[in-house]
Amino acid sequence: HVVDGIIQQAPPGQLQHVVRCLKKILKGNPHLDGIIRDACHHYNVRNLIVLEGPRGTKVMLSRYNEIDSTHFLDPNGNTVIEVDHVKQVALSSKEAAAEREAAVGPRQLLQSLADDYCKQHHVDGVALAFATTPEDGCVHNTVICISAAACNRKSAWSG
């Protein structure tokens, strides 16, 4: 869909502006809100957008911590965050199920290493480590996601 393609090309920090423009141009389309909501969800997850959670923690939106299209796990705060993808805000949070014992140590170690890396190389960056443990209790997958974006609207650059 054309709207999705336009939203996916929004530069860092400019999603809200792009959405406002699309709503003005395409007003009257009864399906527009749903199309924009789905496209913003895709954009936020693909670009590892970081939101401030209701408890002040930073929550990254990624496919690794996505529970469903509007709920994401914050492994550091042990909470599930409800998200409004269009406004890019966290709406609410609730306590998450306890992390499997086998994943706690490896995930915390990876988180510590990723945090140190961000402090050295991406001052405003956010890192999140994820570890999955199937029923057999072994840690099968570990993933570190790092999100760091800078934008300066006055100079018209971002990256």
N, C-alpha and C. Protein backbone atom coordinates (compact mmCIF):
# COMPACT_ATOMS: atom_id res chain seq x y z
N HIS A 1 0.84 -1.18 0.00
CA HIS A 1 0.00 0.00 0.00
C HIS A 1 0.88 1.24 0.00
N VAL A 2 0.47 2.27 -0.66
CA VAL A 2 1.24 3.50 -0.81
C VAL A 2 1.47 4.18 0.54
N VAL A 3 0.44 4.22 1.39
CA VAL A 3 0.57 4.87 2.70
C VAL A 3 1.65 4.18 3.52
N ASP A 4 1.64 2.85 3.53
CA ASP A 4 2.64 2.10 4.28
C ASP A 4 4.04 2.43 3.76
N GLY A 5 4.21 2.48 2.46
CA GLY A 5 5.51 2.79 1.88
C GLY A 5 6.01 4.17 2.28
N ILE A 6 5.12 5.15 2.32
CA ILE A 6 5.51 6.51 2.72
C ILE A 6 5.91 6.52 4.19
N ILE A 7 5.13 5.87 5.03
CA ILE A 7 5.45 5.85 6.47
C ILE A 7 6.78 5.13 6.71
N GLN A 8 7.04 4.05 6.00
CA GLN A 8 8.29 3.31 6.21
C GLN A 8 9.52 4.13 5.86
N GLN A 9 9.35 5.17 5.03
CA GLN A 9 10.47 6.01 4.64
C GLN A 9 10.64 7.25 5.52
N ALA A 10 9.82 7.38 6.55
CA ALA A 10 9.92 8.54 7.44
C ALA A 10 11.29 8.55 8.12
N PRO A 11 11.97 9.70 8.11
CA PRO A 11 13.27 9.78 8.79
C PRO A 11 13.10 9.69 10.31
N PRO A 12 14.17 9.33 11.03
CA PRO A 12 14.08 9.29 12.49
C PRO A 12 13.56 10.61 13.06
N GLY A 13 12.62 10.52 13.96
CA GLY A 13 12.06 11.70 14.60
C GLY A 13 10.98 12.41 13.80
N GLN A 14 10.63 11.92 12.62
CA GLN A 14 9.69 12.62 11.75
C GLN A 14 8.38 11.86 11.51
N LEU A 15 8.18 10.74 12.17
CA LEU A 15 6.98 9.94 11.92
C LEU A 15 5.70 10.73 12.17
N GLN A 16 5.63 11.47 13.26
CA GLN A 16 4.42 12.22 13.59
C GLN A 16 4.10 13.25 12.49
N HIS A 17 5.10 13.89 11.98
CA HIS A 17 4.90 14.88 10.91
C HIS A 17 4.37 14.19 9.64
N VAL A 18 4.95 13.06 9.29
CA VAL A 18 4.52 12.32 8.10
C VAL A 18 3.06 11.87 8.26
N VAL A 19 2.70 11.37 9.43
CA VAL A 19 1.33 10.92 9.68
C VAL A 19 0.35 12.09 9.57
N ARG A 20 0.69 13.23 10.16
CA ARG A 20 -0.19 14.42 10.06
C ARG A 20 -0.41 14.82 8.61
N CYS A 21 0.64 14.81 7.82
CA CYS A 21 0.52 15.17 6.40
C CYS A 21 -0.36 14.17 5.65
N LEU A 22 -0.17 12.89 5.91
CA LEU A 22 -0.99 11.88 5.24
C LEU A 22 -2.46 12.03 5.61
N LYS A 23 -2.74 12.33 6.86
CA LYS A 23 -4.13 12.49 7.29
C LYS A 23 -4.78 13.69 6.61
N LYS A 24 -4.01 14.76 6.39
CA LYS A 24 -4.55 15.93 5.69
C LYS A 24 -4.82 15.61 4.22
N ILE A 25 -3.87 14.94 3.60
CA ILE A 25 -3.99 14.64 2.17
C ILE A 25 -5.11 13.64 1.89
N LEU A 26 -5.25 12.65 2.74
CA LEU A 26 -6.19 11.55 2.49
C LEU A 26 -7.43 11.59 3.36
N LYS A 27 -7.77 12.76 3.91
CA LYS A 27 -8.94 12.83 4.79
C LYS A 27 -10.18 12.35 4.06
N GLY A 28 -11.03 11.71 4.81
CA GLY A 28 -12.24 11.16 4.23
C GLY A 28 -12.17 9.68 3.92
N ASN A 29 -10.98 9.11 3.93
CA ASN A 29 -10.83 7.68 3.68
C ASN A 29 -11.22 6.93 4.95
N PRO A 30 -12.27 6.11 4.92
CA PRO A 30 -12.73 5.44 6.14
C PRO A 30 -11.75 4.39 6.68
N HIS A 31 -10.82 3.94 5.88
CA HIS A 31 -9.87 2.90 6.31
C HIS A 31 -8.52 3.48 6.72
N LEU A 32 -8.37 4.79 6.62
CA LEU A 32 -7.07 5.41 6.82
C LEU A 32 -6.48 5.17 8.21
N ASP A 33 -7.29 5.29 9.26
CA ASP A 33 -6.76 5.12 10.62
C ASP A 33 -6.17 3.73 10.82
N GLY A 34 -6.84 2.70 10.35
CA GLY A 34 -6.32 1.34 10.48
C GLY A 34 -5.05 1.12 9.67
N ILE A 35 -5.02 1.69 8.47
CA ILE A 35 -3.83 1.56 7.62
C ILE A 35 -2.64 2.25 8.27
N ILE A 36 -2.86 3.45 8.80
CA ILE A 36 -1.79 4.19 9.46
C ILE A 36 -1.34 3.46 10.71
N ARG A 37 -2.27 2.95 11.51
CA ARG A 37 -1.92 2.23 12.74
C ARG A 37 -1.03 1.02 12.41
N ASP A 38 -1.41 0.24 11.41
CA ASP A 38 -0.62 -0.93 11.02
C ASP A 38 0.75 -0.54 10.49
N ALA A 39 0.79 0.51 9.68
CA ALA A 39 2.06 0.97 9.12
C ALA A 39 2.99 1.52 10.21
N CYS A 40 2.43 2.23 11.18
CA CYS A 40 3.25 2.76 12.28
C CYS A 40 3.78 1.63 13.16
N HIS A 41 2.98 0.60 13.37
CA HIS A 41 3.44 -0.58 14.11
C HIS A 41 4.64 -1.18 13.41
N HIS A 42 4.52 -1.39 12.12
CA HIS A 42 5.61 -1.96 11.32
C HIS A 42 6.85 -1.07 11.40
N TYR A 43 6.67 0.24 11.26
CA TYR A 43 7.77 1.21 11.31
C TYR A 43 8.48 1.15 12.67
N ASN A 44 7.71 1.19 13.75
CA ASN A 44 8.28 1.21 15.10
C ASN A 44 9.09 -0.04 15.40
N VAL A 45 8.58 -1.19 15.01
CA VAL A 45 9.28 -2.45 15.27
C VAL A 45 10.51 -2.57 14.38
N ARG A 46 10.37 -2.23 13.12
CA ARG A 46 11.49 -2.35 12.18
C ARG A 46 12.65 -1.42 12.55
N ASN A 47 12.31 -0.24 13.09
CA ASN A 47 13.33 0.75 13.42
C ASN A 47 13.75 0.73 14.89
N LEU A 48 13.30 -0.27 15.64
CA LEU A 48 13.66 -0.41 17.05
C LEU A 48 13.43 0.89 17.83
N ILE A 49 12.24 1.44 17.67
CA ILE A 49 11.90 2.69 18.34
C ILE A 49 11.90 2.47 19.85
N VAL A 50 12.43 3.45 20.58
CA VAL A 50 12.51 3.38 22.04
C VAL A 50 11.52 4.38 22.63
N LEU A 51 10.69 3.88 23.54
CA LEU A 51 9.72 4.72 24.22
C LEU A 51 10.02 4.73 25.71
N GLU A 52 9.59 5.78 26.38
CA GLU A 52 9.70 5.79 27.83
C GLU A 52 8.46 5.11 28.39
N GLY A 53 8.69 4.10 29.20
CA GLY A 53 7.59 3.37 29.81
C GLY A 53 6.95 4.17 30.93
N PRO A 54 5.76 3.77 31.34
CA PRO A 54 5.06 4.47 32.42
C PRO A 54 5.85 4.54 33.72
N ARG A 55 6.75 3.61 33.94
CA ARG A 55 7.57 3.59 35.17
C ARG A 55 8.93 4.26 34.96
N GLY A 56 9.12 4.93 33.83
CA GLY A 56 10.36 5.65 33.57
C GLY A 56 11.45 4.85 32.90
N THR A 57 11.24 3.56 32.65
CA THR A 57 12.25 2.75 31.97
C THR A 57 12.13 2.96 30.47
N LYS A 58 13.21 2.71 29.76
CA LYS A 58 13.18 2.81 28.31
C LYS A 58 12.82 1.44 27.74
N VAL A 59 11.84 1.44 26.85
CA VAL A 59 11.34 0.20 26.27
C VAL A 59 11.55 0.25 24.76
N MET A 60 12.26 -0.73 24.24
CA MET A 60 12.49 -0.83 22.80
C MET A 60 11.40 -1.70 22.18
N LEU A 61 10.93 -1.28 21.04
CA LEU A 61 9.93 -2.06 20.31
C LEU A 61 10.65 -2.88 19.25
N SER A 62 10.60 -4.20 19.40
CA SER A 62 11.27 -5.09 18.44
C SER A 62 10.46 -6.36 18.30
N ARG A 63 10.80 -7.15 17.30
CA ARG A 63 10.10 -8.42 17.11
C ARG A 63 10.47 -9.42 18.20
N TYR A 64 11.57 -9.18 18.90
CA TYR A 64 12.03 -10.11 19.93
C TYR A 64 11.27 -9.97 21.25
N ASN A 65 10.68 -8.81 21.49
CA ASN A 65 9.93 -8.63 22.73
C ASN A 65 8.45 -8.31 22.47
N GLU A 66 8.01 -8.50 21.23
CA GLU A 66 6.62 -8.24 20.88
C GLU A 66 5.75 -9.41 21.34
N ILE A 67 4.75 -9.10 22.14
CA ILE A 67 3.79 -10.11 22.60
C ILE A 67 2.63 -10.17 21.62
N ASP A 68 2.10 -9.02 21.28
CA ASP A 68 1.12 -8.87 20.20
C ASP A 68 1.33 -7.48 19.65
N SER A 69 0.48 -7.03 18.74
CA SER A 69 0.75 -5.77 18.04
C SER A 69 0.79 -4.54 18.94
N THR A 70 0.22 -4.59 20.13
CA THR A 70 0.23 -3.41 21.00
C THR A 70 0.89 -3.66 22.35
N HIS A 71 1.44 -4.84 22.58
CA HIS A 71 2.07 -5.15 23.87
C HIS A 71 3.49 -5.67 23.68
N PHE A 72 4.41 -5.11 24.48
CA PHE A 72 5.83 -5.44 24.37
C PHE A 72 6.40 -5.69 25.76
N LEU A 73 7.29 -6.67 25.85
CA LEU A 73 7.94 -7.01 27.11
C LEU A 73 9.11 -6.08 27.35
N ASP A 74 9.19 -5.55 28.55
CA ASP A 74 10.37 -4.82 29.01
C ASP A 74 11.12 -5.78 29.93
N PRO A 75 12.16 -6.47 29.43
CA PRO A 75 12.80 -7.50 30.24
C PRO A 75 13.54 -6.92 31.46
N ASN A 76 13.99 -5.68 31.38
CA ASN A 76 14.70 -5.09 32.51
C ASN A 76 13.75 -4.67 33.62
N GLY A 77 12.59 -4.18 33.26
CA GLY A 77 11.60 -3.78 34.25
C GLY A 77 10.63 -4.89 34.60
N ASN A 78 10.76 -6.03 33.92
CA ASN A 78 9.86 -7.17 34.08
C ASN A 78 8.40 -6.75 33.98
N THR A 79 8.12 -5.94 32.96
CA THR A 79 6.76 -5.47 32.73
C THR A 79 6.36 -5.67 31.28
N VAL A 80 5.07 -5.65 31.05
CA VAL A 80 4.51 -5.65 29.70
C VAL A 80 3.93 -4.26 29.48
N ILE A 81 4.35 -3.63 28.39
CA ILE A 81 3.96 -2.26 28.07
C ILE A 81 2.94 -2.27 26.95
N GLU A 82 1.86 -1.51 27.12
CA GLU A 82 0.88 -1.31 26.05
C GLU A 82 1.29 -0.05 25.29
N VAL A 83 1.27 -0.11 23.96
CA VAL A 83 1.82 0.95 23.12
C VAL A 83 0.77 1.50 22.15
N ASP A 84 0.78 2.82 21.97
CA ASP A 84 0.05 3.47 20.88
C ASP A 84 1.09 3.75 19.81
N HIS A 85 1.05 3.00 18.71
CA HIS A 85 2.08 3.11 17.68
C HIS A 85 2.03 4.41 16.91
N VAL A 86 0.87 4.98 16.72
CA VAL A 86 0.77 6.22 15.95
C VAL A 86 1.35 7.38 16.74
N LYS A 87 1.01 7.48 18.02
CA LYS A 87 1.52 8.56 18.86
C LYS A 87 2.91 8.26 19.43
N GLN A 88 3.35 7.02 19.29
CA GLN A 88 4.63 6.55 19.81
C GLN A 88 4.76 6.83 21.31
N VAL A 89 3.77 6.36 22.06
CA VAL A 89 3.78 6.50 23.51
C VAL A 89 3.39 5.18 24.16
N ALA A 90 3.91 4.98 25.37
CA ALA A 90 3.51 3.84 26.19
C ALA A 90 2.27 4.26 26.96
N LEU A 91 1.22 3.46 26.89
CA LEU A 91 -0.04 3.81 27.52
C LEU A 91 -0.14 3.28 28.95
N SER A 92 0.27 2.05 29.16
CA SER A 92 0.15 1.44 30.47
C SER A 92 1.15 0.31 30.59
N SER A 93 1.27 -0.21 31.80
CA SER A 93 2.15 -1.36 31.99
C SER A 93 1.56 -2.27 33.06
N LYS A 94 1.95 -3.52 32.99
CA LYS A 94 1.56 -4.49 34.01
C LYS A 94 2.74 -5.43 34.21
N GLU A 95 2.77 -6.09 35.34
CA GLU A 95 3.87 -7.00 35.64
C GLU A 95 3.85 -8.18 34.68
N ALA A 96 5.05 -8.56 34.24
CA ALA A 96 5.18 -9.69 33.30
C ALA A 96 5.36 -10.98 34.08
N ALA A 97 5.15 -12.08 33.41
CA ALA A 97 5.42 -13.39 34.00
C ALA A 97 6.92 -13.48 34.29
N ALA A 98 7.27 -14.23 35.30
CA ALA A 98 8.68 -14.37 35.68
C ALA A 98 9.49 -14.98 34.55
N GLU A 99 10.68 -14.47 34.37
CA GLU A 99 11.61 -14.98 33.36
C GLU A 99 12.09 -16.36 33.79
N ARG A 100 12.26 -17.26 32.84
CA ARG A 100 12.76 -18.61 33.16
C ARG A 100 14.15 -18.49 33.80
N GLU A 101 14.35 -19.26 34.83
CA GLU A 101 15.59 -19.21 35.61
C GLU A 101 16.83 -19.36 34.73
N ALA A 102 16.79 -20.26 33.75
CA ALA A 102 17.95 -20.51 32.90
C ALA A 102 18.32 -19.30 32.05
N ALA A 103 17.38 -18.39 31.82
CA ALA A 103 17.64 -17.23 30.97
C ALA A 103 18.12 -16.02 31.74
N VAL A 104 17.88 -15.96 33.04
CA VAL A 104 18.16 -14.75 33.82
C VAL A 104 19.64 -14.37 33.77
N GLY A 105 20.52 -15.30 34.14
CA GLY A 105 21.95 -15.00 34.17
C GLY A 105 22.52 -14.59 32.82
N PRO A 106 22.33 -15.40 31.78
CA PRO A 106 22.86 -15.02 30.46
C PRO A 106 22.28 -13.69 29.95
N ARG A 107 21.00 -13.46 30.16
CA ARG A 107 20.39 -12.21 29.69
C ARG A 107 20.97 -11.01 30.44
N GLN A 108 21.11 -11.13 31.75
CA GLN A 108 21.65 -10.02 32.53
C GLN A 108 23.10 -9.72 32.16
N LEU A 109 23.89 -10.77 31.90
CA LEU A 109 25.28 -10.57 31.47
C LEU A 109 25.31 -9.85 30.12
N LEU A 110 24.53 -10.32 29.17
CA LEU A 110 24.47 -9.66 27.86
C LEU A 110 23.99 -8.22 28.00
N GLN A 111 23.01 -7.99 28.86
CA GLN A 111 22.49 -6.63 29.06
C GLN A 111 23.59 -5.71 29.59
N SER A 112 24.35 -6.19 30.54
CA SER A 112 25.44 -5.39 31.11
C SER A 112 26.49 -5.05 30.05
N LEU A 113 26.87 -6.04 29.25
CA LEU A 113 27.86 -5.80 28.18
C LEU A 113 27.32 -4.83 27.13
N ALA A 114 26.05 -4.98 26.77
CA ALA A 114 25.44 -4.10 25.77
C ALA A 114 25.32 -2.68 26.31
N ASP A 115 24.98 -2.53 27.59
CA ASP A 115 24.90 -1.20 28.20
C ASP A 115 26.26 -0.51 28.17
N ASP A 116 27.32 -1.25 28.51
CA ASP A 116 28.68 -0.70 28.48
C ASP A 116 29.05 -0.26 27.07
N TYR A 117 28.72 -1.09 26.09
CA TYR A 117 29.01 -0.75 24.69
C TYR A 117 28.30 0.55 24.29
N CYS A 118 27.03 0.67 24.66
CA CYS A 118 26.28 1.88 24.31
C CYS A 118 26.88 3.12 24.97
N LYS A 119 27.27 3.00 26.21
CA LYS A 119 27.87 4.14 26.91
C LYS A 119 29.13 4.62 26.19
N GLN A 120 29.89 3.68 25.63
CA GLN A 120 31.14 4.03 24.94
C GLN A 120 30.93 4.55 23.53
N HIS A 121 29.95 3.99 22.81
CA HIS A 121 29.84 4.27 21.38
C HIS A 121 28.56 4.99 20.94
N HIS A 122 27.51 4.91 21.73
CA HIS A 122 26.23 5.53 21.38
C HIS A 122 25.64 6.14 22.64
N VAL A 123 26.09 7.33 22.98
CA VAL A 123 25.75 7.95 24.25
C VAL A 123 24.24 7.94 24.53
N ASP A 124 23.44 8.26 23.54
CA ASP A 124 21.98 8.28 23.73
C ASP A 124 21.32 6.98 23.30
N GLY A 125 22.12 5.98 22.99
CA GLY A 125 21.58 4.71 22.52
C GLY A 125 21.00 3.88 23.66
N VAL A 126 20.16 2.95 23.27
CA VAL A 126 19.55 2.02 24.21
C VAL A 126 19.80 0.60 23.71
N ALA A 127 20.19 -0.27 24.62
CA ALA A 127 20.42 -1.67 24.28
C ALA A 127 19.48 -2.53 25.11
N LEU A 128 18.97 -3.58 24.50
CA LEU A 128 18.16 -4.55 25.23
C LEU A 128 18.61 -5.95 24.83
N ALA A 129 18.79 -6.79 25.82
CA ALA A 129 19.17 -8.18 25.60
C ALA A 129 17.96 -9.06 25.86
N PHE A 130 17.80 -10.06 25.01
CA PHE A 130 16.70 -11.00 25.13
C PHE A 130 17.26 -12.41 25.10
N ALA A 131 16.70 -13.28 25.93
CA ALA A 131 17.08 -14.68 25.92
C ALA A 131 15.80 -15.51 25.97
N THR A 132 15.73 -16.52 25.11
CA THR A 132 14.55 -17.38 25.10
C THR A 132 14.91 -18.75 25.64
N THR A 133 14.00 -19.29 26.42
CA THR A 133 14.20 -20.62 26.97
C THR A 133 12.95 -21.44 26.72
N PRO A 134 13.04 -22.45 25.87
CA PRO A 134 11.90 -23.35 25.66
C PRO A 134 11.65 -24.21 26.90
N GLU A 135 10.71 -25.09 26.81
CA GLU A 135 10.31 -25.94 27.94
C GLU A 135 11.46 -26.77 28.52
N ASP A 136 12.47 -27.12 27.70
CA ASP A 136 13.56 -27.96 28.22
C ASP A 136 14.50 -27.21 29.16
N GLY A 137 14.32 -25.86 29.27
CA GLY A 137 15.09 -25.07 30.22
C GLY A 137 16.43 -24.58 29.73
N CYS A 138 16.85 -24.96 28.54
CA CYS A 138 18.12 -24.49 27.99
C CYS A 138 17.93 -23.14 27.31
N VAL A 139 18.93 -22.30 27.37
CA VAL A 139 18.87 -21.03 26.66
C VAL A 139 19.19 -21.32 25.20
N HIS A 140 18.23 -21.07 24.32
CA HIS A 140 18.41 -21.39 22.91
C HIS A 140 18.80 -20.18 22.07
N ASN A 141 18.23 -19.06 22.35
CA ASN A 141 18.52 -17.87 21.55
C ASN A 141 18.81 -16.69 22.45
N THR A 142 19.84 -15.96 22.11
CA THR A 142 20.13 -14.71 22.79
C THR A 142 20.29 -13.65 21.71
N VAL A 143 19.71 -12.51 21.98
CA VAL A 143 19.72 -11.43 21.00
C VAL A 143 19.99 -10.12 21.73
N ILE A 144 20.82 -9.28 21.14
CA ILE A 144 21.02 -7.93 21.65
C ILE A 144 20.57 -6.98 20.54
N CYS A 145 19.69 -6.06 20.90
CA CYS A 145 19.25 -5.01 19.98
C CYS A 145 19.76 -3.68 20.49
N ILE A 146 20.31 -2.88 19.59
CA ILE A 146 20.79 -1.54 19.95
C ILE A 146 20.10 -0.54 19.05
N SER A 147 19.56 0.48 19.66
CA SER A 147 18.88 1.53 18.91
C SER A 147 19.50 2.87 19.29
N ALA A 148 19.98 3.57 18.29
CA ALA A 148 20.57 4.89 18.52
C ALA A 148 20.28 5.74 17.29
N ALA A 149 19.60 6.82 17.49
CA ALA A 149 19.29 7.72 16.38
C ALA A 149 19.53 9.16 16.83
N ALA A 150 20.00 9.95 15.92
CA ALA A 150 20.21 11.37 16.20
C ALA A 150 19.53 12.16 15.09
N CYS A 151 18.88 13.23 15.47
CA CYS A 151 18.29 14.08 14.44
C CYS A 151 18.39 15.54 14.85
N ASN A 152 18.55 16.38 13.86
CA ASN A 152 18.63 17.81 14.06
C ASN A 152 17.74 18.43 13.00
N ARG A 153 16.54 18.81 13.41
CA ARG A 153 15.56 19.32 12.43
C ARG A 153 16.01 20.64 11.82
N LYS A 154 16.68 21.47 12.59
CA LYS A 154 17.13 22.77 12.07
C LYS A 154 18.12 22.60 10.93
N SER A 155 18.99 21.59 11.03
CA SER A 155 19.97 21.33 9.98
C SER A 155 19.50 20.32 8.97
N ALA A 156 18.28 19.78 9.18
CA ALA A 156 17.66 18.81 8.27
C ALA A 156 18.50 17.57 8.07
N TRP A 157 19.01 17.00 9.16
CA TRP A 157 19.73 15.73 9.05
C TRP A 157 19.29 14.78 10.15
N SER A 158 19.46 13.52 9.89
CA SER A 158 19.18 12.49 10.89
C SER A 158 19.98 11.24 10.53
N GLY A 159 20.11 10.36 11.50
CA GLY A 159 20.83 9.14 11.24
C GLY A 159 20.86 8.25 12.43
